[in-house]
Each structure stands twice: as C-alpha cells, then as structure tokens.
Amino acid sequence: MSADDPAIDHHRAAAAPGSLEAIWIKRVRRGPMDPRDSVAADPSGGLEGNAQSGRRQVTLLSAEAWEQVEHDLGRSVDPRTRRANLFVRGIDLEDSRGKTLRIGGCRIEILGETRPCRIMDDAEPGLEQALDPDWRGGVYGRLLDAGRLSVGDPIDWVD
C-alpha cells in the first residue's frame, strides 16, 4: 500500500476527530452570511465569493464553544450571528495560533483568535461578553492549499 492509496485517506477521514458542519459566505462586507454546501478555496484569493481578504482569508467557529455561549446567554442564537465562514465540530480551537488544520483536502494555518467586538452586542445583547473567554469567538487563518471545502468534510490537526 502506498501513501497515496485511497484506503489510507479513507482511514484518516474515518479517524478524524472533527467535521465541517456549515459554510457561510458574505458577499459584501457586513452583508448577510449566505449558507453554502461547498466552496472553492484558494490561497491567492481566499474563499470563492467571500468579501473577507488579507490575513483573514477564512474564519472558523467551534460548535461546542457556540453551545457554551448559548448556555451562558440562556437562549438559542443563530451561529451566523458570529459571522464566521466555517462552523466546525470536534476540534478545540482554543490556543491554536500557529497550528495547521486540515479540512477535507485543504490546509489552513491558524493565525490568531477572532476577538469579539461591540458589533456582536449590536446583533445580540450580551454576545460580546459571552464570546470573550477561551477563544469562543473563533479563529482566523490563511489557506495553504487550493481545493474545495464541503459540509461534512473531516477535520483534523496536521502534525
């Protein structure tokens, strides 16, 4: 069996601790977050159709962190309110600066924490404070590979 054997990739996918639960793209800055089943990713331009650019080519939010935010707020809140591109489950994003994440066939280098700001409270009272601890506001990063990201893709940290 070679390292390029599909059976090995399938085994890695089955062993991945996380999955991509949702993808959202904003067509214009501060515009609505449009759901997608999949999106093209390119290191030179970020996520296809997304207004985000520069160092923040892609933003990620943890489903588990979001559930803690909802618990602290005492109510359900649409995760699109946070305005992240990728909603992930099974991956702890806290203190992940400098690490590399693989989603499907694409790698993303995590560059830092996405800090909550007052805009979060404008959207949902109390959200800024609920997002503040433990990197609950998510992370941002840059794409290292071109490819396609799809809901359901496995996610794991790259050594």
Protein backbone atom coordinates (compact mmCIF):
# COMPACT_ATOMS: atom_id res chain seq x y z
CA MET A 1 0.00 0.00 0.00
CA SER A 2 1.40 3.42 -0.91
CA ALA A 3 0.85 6.68 0.97
CA ASP A 4 -1.34 7.82 -1.93
CA ASP A 5 -3.65 4.83 -1.59
CA PRO A 6 -7.32 5.93 -1.23
CA ALA A 7 -7.85 3.33 1.52
CA ILE A 8 -5.33 5.20 3.67
CA ASP A 9 -7.07 8.54 3.05
CA HIS A 10 -10.41 6.90 3.91
CA HIS A 11 -8.93 5.57 7.14
CA ARG A 12 -7.63 9.05 8.03
CA ALA A 13 -11.04 10.55 7.28
CA ALA A 14 -12.77 7.96 9.47
CA ALA A 15 -10.32 8.68 12.31
CA ALA A 16 -10.62 12.49 12.07
CA PRO A 17 -11.94 13.92 15.32
CA GLY A 18 -13.98 16.68 13.73
CA SER A 19 -16.22 17.65 10.86
CA LEU A 20 -17.25 20.74 8.94
CA GLU A 21 -20.86 21.42 9.95
CA ALA A 22 -21.65 24.58 7.96
CA ILE A 23 -20.16 27.05 5.49
CA TRP A 24 -21.18 30.70 5.26
CA ILE A 25 -20.01 33.29 2.76
CA LYS A 26 -20.55 37.04 2.96
CA ARG A 27 -20.81 38.60 -0.48
CA VAL A 28 -20.13 42.11 0.81
CA ARG A 29 -18.55 43.49 3.96
CA ARG A 30 -21.14 43.45 6.77
CA GLY A 31 -23.57 41.75 4.38
CA PRO A 32 -25.65 38.65 5.15
CA MET A 33 -23.97 35.30 5.73
CA ASP A 34 -25.11 33.04 2.88
CA PRO A 35 -25.05 29.28 3.51
CA ARG A 36 -23.17 27.02 1.07
CA ASP A 37 -22.86 23.25 0.75
CA SER A 38 -19.34 23.71 -0.60
CA VAL A 39 -16.94 26.44 -1.63
CA ALA A 40 -13.73 26.70 -3.63
CA ALA A 41 -10.70 27.70 -1.56
CA ASP A 42 -7.55 29.28 -2.99
CA PRO A 43 -4.50 30.69 -1.16
CA SER A 44 -4.34 33.59 -3.60
CA GLY A 45 -7.94 34.72 -3.14
CA GLY A 46 -9.48 33.06 -0.09
CA LEU A 47 -12.94 31.53 -0.24
CA GLU A 48 -14.76 31.98 -3.54
CA GLY A 49 -17.32 34.78 -3.36
CA ASN A 50 -16.34 35.87 0.15
CA ALA A 51 -15.69 39.55 0.91
CA GLN A 52 -13.01 38.67 3.51
CA SER A 53 -9.45 39.18 2.36
CA GLY A 54 -5.91 39.82 3.56
CA ARG A 55 -4.63 37.81 6.51
CA ARG A 56 -8.16 36.76 7.46
CA GLN A 57 -8.89 34.62 4.42
CA VAL A 58 -11.09 32.30 6.46
CA THR A 59 -12.69 32.41 9.91
CA LEU A 60 -13.70 29.37 11.95
CA LEU A 61 -16.09 28.92 14.87
CA SER A 62 -16.37 25.87 17.13
CA ALA A 63 -19.86 24.36 17.55
CA GLU A 64 -19.01 23.31 21.10
CA ALA A 65 -17.83 26.83 22.01
CA TRP A 66 -21.01 28.24 20.46
CA GLU A 67 -23.13 25.88 22.57
CA GLN A 68 -21.35 27.24 25.68
CA VAL A 69 -22.10 30.80 24.52
CA GLU A 70 -25.79 29.90 24.17
CA HIS A 71 -25.73 28.31 27.63
CA ASP A 72 -24.20 31.47 29.13
CA LEU A 73 -26.75 33.67 27.36
CA GLY A 74 -29.61 31.38 28.39
CA ARG A 75 -31.03 31.32 24.88
CA SER A 76 -30.51 29.93 21.41
CA VAL A 77 -28.65 32.20 18.97
CA ASP A 78 -28.07 31.59 15.26
CA PRO A 79 -24.30 30.91 14.89
CA ARG A 80 -24.28 33.03 11.72
CA THR A 81 -24.51 35.99 14.11
CA ARG A 82 -20.77 35.49 14.80
CA ARG A 83 -20.10 35.96 11.07
CA ALA A 84 -17.57 33.13 10.72
CA ASN A 85 -17.10 31.22 7.46
CA LEU A 86 -16.70 27.69 8.80
CA PHE A 87 -18.64 26.09 11.66
CA VAL A 88 -16.68 23.10 12.94
CA ARG A 89 -17.38 20.33 15.45
CA GLY A 90 -14.96 18.11 17.33
CA ILE A 91 -11.96 20.44 17.12
CA ASP A 92 -10.79 22.62 20.01
CA LEU A 93 -9.70 25.97 18.56
CA GLU A 94 -8.51 27.49 21.86
CA ASP A 95 -4.83 28.50 21.83
CA SER A 96 -4.38 27.19 18.28
CA ARG A 97 -2.31 30.10 16.86
CA GLY A 98 0.45 28.69 14.65
CA LYS A 99 -1.19 25.27 14.21
CA THR A 100 -2.37 23.85 10.91
CA LEU A 101 -5.81 22.36 10.39
CA ARG A 102 -6.78 20.05 7.53
CA ILE A 103 -10.37 20.26 6.30
CA GLY A 104 -11.03 17.80 3.52
CA GLY A 105 -8.10 18.30 1.14
CA CYS A 106 -7.22 21.84 2.26
CA ARG A 107 -4.88 23.01 4.99
CA ILE A 108 -5.49 26.21 6.96
CA GLU A 109 -2.80 27.86 9.06
CA ILE A 110 -4.39 29.40 12.15
CA LEU A 111 -3.02 32.93 12.56
CA GLY A 112 -4.93 34.06 15.63
CA GLU A 113 -8.02 34.48 17.72
CA THR A 114 -11.03 36.32 16.31
CA ARG A 115 -11.76 38.74 19.13
CA PRO A 116 -15.38 39.72 19.74
CA CYS A 117 -16.31 43.40 19.43
CA ARG A 118 -19.28 45.66 20.11
CA ILE A 119 -20.84 44.70 16.78
CA MET A 120 -21.66 41.36 18.44
CA ASP A 121 -23.75 43.16 21.08
CA ASP A 122 -25.48 45.18 18.35
CA ALA A 123 -26.55 41.87 16.82
CA GLU A 124 -27.35 40.07 20.08
CA PRO A 125 -27.22 41.70 23.55
CA GLY A 126 -24.57 40.08 25.77
CA LEU A 127 -22.89 38.24 22.90
CA GLU A 128 -19.57 40.12 23.06
CA GLN A 129 -19.01 39.16 26.70
CA ALA A 130 -20.18 35.55 26.16
CA LEU A 131 -17.68 35.16 23.29
CA ASP A 132 -14.74 36.66 25.19
CA PRO A 133 -13.35 33.74 27.26
CA ASP A 134 -11.45 30.72 25.94
CA TRP A 135 -11.28 31.79 22.28
CA ARG A 136 -15.06 31.26 21.92
CA GLY A 137 -15.17 33.91 19.18
CA GLY A 138 -13.22 31.54 16.95
CA VAL A 139 -10.05 31.87 14.92
CA TYR A 140 -8.87 33.23 11.60
CA GLY A 141 -6.34 31.85 9.20
CA ARG A 142 -4.91 31.61 5.75
CA LEU A 143 -5.34 28.87 3.18
CA LEU A 144 -2.27 26.84 2.34
CA ASP A 145 -3.86 24.74 -0.43
CA ALA A 146 -6.32 25.23 -3.25
CA GLY A 147 -9.28 22.88 -3.24
CA ARG A 148 -12.90 22.55 -2.27
CA LEU A 149 -14.39 22.64 1.22
CA SER A 150 -17.69 20.81 1.68
CA VAL A 151 -20.10 20.38 4.58
CA GLY A 152 -19.32 17.01 6.15
CA ASP A 153 -15.59 17.14 5.38
CA PRO A 154 -13.42 15.58 8.10
CA ILE A 155 -11.22 17.93 10.15
CA ASP A 156 -8.01 17.18 12.00
CA TRP A 157 -4.85 18.92 13.13
CA VAL A 158 -1.78 18.39 10.95
CA ASP A 159 1.38 17.38 12.83
